[in-house]
Amino acid sequence: MCARHGCSARQPIAAVHGITEDEVISDVLLADAAVKRLVEPEERAEAVAYLRTPQASFITGSSLTMDGGWTAH
């Protein structure tokens, strides 16, 4: 199992568009997300913990996207 934390380029986006990093989060990253907040570290940990259980043994070669519904937009 490989758990990889995603990344976002808040500083470069802010610099290019002349907005603050907080505005990048609210106006860019969360604008089209169904859940209007960033994922909490505990939520990521719970997903990883689940993937390590026998109940998740049939999940292979897949990515678990935790983006608050952004990709569904």
C-alpha atoms as a PDB file:
ATOM      1  CA  MET A   1       0.000   0.000   0.000  1.00  0.00           C
ATOM      2  CA  CYS A   2       1.181   3.480  -0.826  1.00  0.00           C
ATOM      3  CA  ALA A   3      -0.428   6.538   0.761  1.00  0.00           C
ATOM      4  CA  ARG A   4       0.515   9.773  -0.934  1.00  0.00           C
ATOM      5  CA  HIS A   5      -0.477  13.229   0.166  1.00  0.00           C
ATOM      6  CA  GLY A   6      -1.628  15.439  -2.684  1.00  0.00           C
ATOM      7  CA  CYS A   7      -0.303  18.897  -3.184  1.00  0.00           C
ATOM      8  CA  SER A   8      -1.565  22.260  -4.240  1.00  0.00           C
ATOM      9  CA  ALA A   9       0.360  25.214  -5.565  1.00  0.00           C
ATOM     10  CA  ARG A  10      -1.198  27.941  -3.434  1.00  0.00           C
ATOM     11  CA  GLN A  11       1.749  30.338  -3.459  1.00  0.00           C
ATOM     12  CA  PRO A  12       2.341  30.340  -7.238  1.00  0.00           C
ATOM     13  CA  ILE A  13      -1.403  30.715  -7.913  1.00  0.00           C
ATOM     14  CA  ALA A  14      -1.608  33.587  -5.433  1.00  0.00           C
ATOM     15  CA  ALA A  15       1.402  35.336  -6.939  1.00  0.00           C
ATOM     16  CA  VAL A  16       0.214  35.021 -10.541  1.00  0.00           C
ATOM     17  CA  HIS A  17      -3.313  36.230  -9.799  1.00  0.00           C
ATOM     18  CA  GLY A  18      -2.413  38.817  -7.158  1.00  0.00           C
ATOM     19  CA  ILE A  19      -4.572  37.257  -4.444  1.00  0.00           C
ATOM     20  CA  THR A  20      -3.838  35.926  -0.975  1.00  0.00           C
ATOM     21  CA  GLU A  21      -3.316  32.243  -0.193  1.00  0.00           C
ATOM     22  CA  ASP A  22      -6.606  32.269   1.748  1.00  0.00           C
ATOM     23  CA  GLU A  23      -8.363  33.543  -1.377  1.00  0.00           C
ATOM     24  CA  VAL A  24      -6.757  30.737  -3.391  1.00  0.00           C
ATOM     25  CA  ILE A  25      -8.316  28.245  -0.982  1.00  0.00           C
ATOM     26  CA  SER A  26     -11.776  29.835  -0.883  1.00  0.00           C
ATOM     27  CA  ASP A  27     -12.065  31.185  -4.437  1.00  0.00           C
ATOM     28  CA  VAL A  28     -10.108  28.582  -6.412  1.00  0.00           C
ATOM     29  CA  LEU A  29      -9.691  25.280  -4.569  1.00  0.00           C
ATOM     30  CA  LEU A  30     -13.091  25.178  -2.826  1.00  0.00           C
ATOM     31  CA  ALA A  31     -15.213  27.141  -5.296  1.00  0.00           C
ATOM     32  CA  ASP A  32     -16.431  24.053  -7.177  1.00  0.00           C
ATOM     33  CA  ALA A  33     -16.214  21.513  -4.346  1.00  0.00           C
ATOM     34  CA  ALA A  34     -19.425  20.091  -2.895  1.00  0.00           C
ATOM     35  CA  VAL A  35     -17.893  20.177   0.595  1.00  0.00           C
ATOM     36  CA  LYS A  36     -16.631  23.698   1.222  1.00  0.00           C
ATOM     37  CA  ARG A  37     -13.613  22.835   3.379  1.00  0.00           C
ATOM     38  CA  LEU A  38     -10.263  21.114   3.120  1.00  0.00           C
ATOM     39  CA  VAL A  39      -9.872  17.527   4.258  1.00  0.00           C
ATOM     40  CA  GLU A  40      -8.736  17.150   7.867  1.00  0.00           C
ATOM     41  CA  PRO A  41      -5.614  15.095   8.678  1.00  0.00           C
ATOM     42  CA  GLU A  42      -7.750  12.762  10.807  1.00  0.00           C
ATOM     43  CA  GLU A  43      -9.986  12.032   7.816  1.00  0.00           C
ATOM     44  CA  ARG A  44      -6.973  11.052   5.714  1.00  0.00           C
ATOM     45  CA  ALA A  45      -5.711   8.858   8.557  1.00  0.00           C
ATOM     46  CA  GLU A  46      -9.087   7.115   8.844  1.00  0.00           C
ATOM     47  CA  ALA A  47      -9.071   6.330   5.117  1.00  0.00           C
ATOM     48  CA  VAL A  48      -5.553   4.881   5.328  1.00  0.00           C
ATOM     49  CA  ALA A  49      -6.513   2.880   8.426  1.00  0.00           C
ATOM     50  CA  TYR A  50      -9.526   1.432   6.594  1.00  0.00           C
ATOM     51  CA  LEU A  51      -7.415   0.448   3.590  1.00  0.00           C
ATOM     52  CA  ARG A  52      -5.207  -1.579   5.934  1.00  0.00           C
ATOM     53  CA  THR A  53      -8.125  -3.689   7.221  1.00  0.00           C
ATOM     54  CA  PRO A  54      -9.194  -7.112   5.943  1.00  0.00           C
ATOM     55  CA  GLN A  55     -12.486  -5.536   4.781  1.00  0.00           C
ATOM     56  CA  ALA A  56     -10.507  -3.569   2.184  1.00  0.00           C
ATOM     57  CA  SER A  57      -8.518  -6.557   0.925  1.00  0.00           C
ATOM     58  CA  PHE A  58     -10.207  -6.521  -2.488  1.00  0.00           C
ATOM     59  CA  ILE A  59      -9.231  -2.901  -3.153  1.00  0.00           C
ATOM     60  CA  THR A  60      -6.096  -3.046  -5.298  1.00  0.00           C
ATOM     61  CA  GLY A  61      -4.458  -0.733  -7.812  1.00  0.00           C
ATOM     62  CA  SER A  62      -6.895   2.075  -7.077  1.00  0.00           C
ATOM     63  CA  SER A  63      -6.697   5.675  -6.025  1.00  0.00           C
ATOM     64  CA  LEU A  64      -8.904   7.004  -3.264  1.00  0.00           C
ATOM     65  CA  THR A  65      -9.648  10.611  -4.109  1.00  0.00           C
ATOM     66  CA  MET A  66     -10.513  12.742  -1.096  1.00  0.00           C
ATOM     67  CA  ASP A  67     -11.365  16.096  -2.609  1.00  0.00           C
ATOM     68  CA  GLY A  68     -14.762  16.998  -1.198  1.00  0.00           C
ATOM     69  CA  GLY A  69     -16.511  16.366  -4.500  1.00  0.00           C
ATOM     70  CA  TRP A  70     -14.268  18.656  -6.589  1.00  0.00           C
ATOM     71  CA  THR A  71     -13.594  16.046  -9.299  1.00  0.00           C
ATOM     72  CA  ALA A  72     -17.322  15.311  -9.599  1.00  0.00           C
ATOM     73  CA  HIS A  73     -17.863  18.894 -10.777  1.00  0.00           C
END
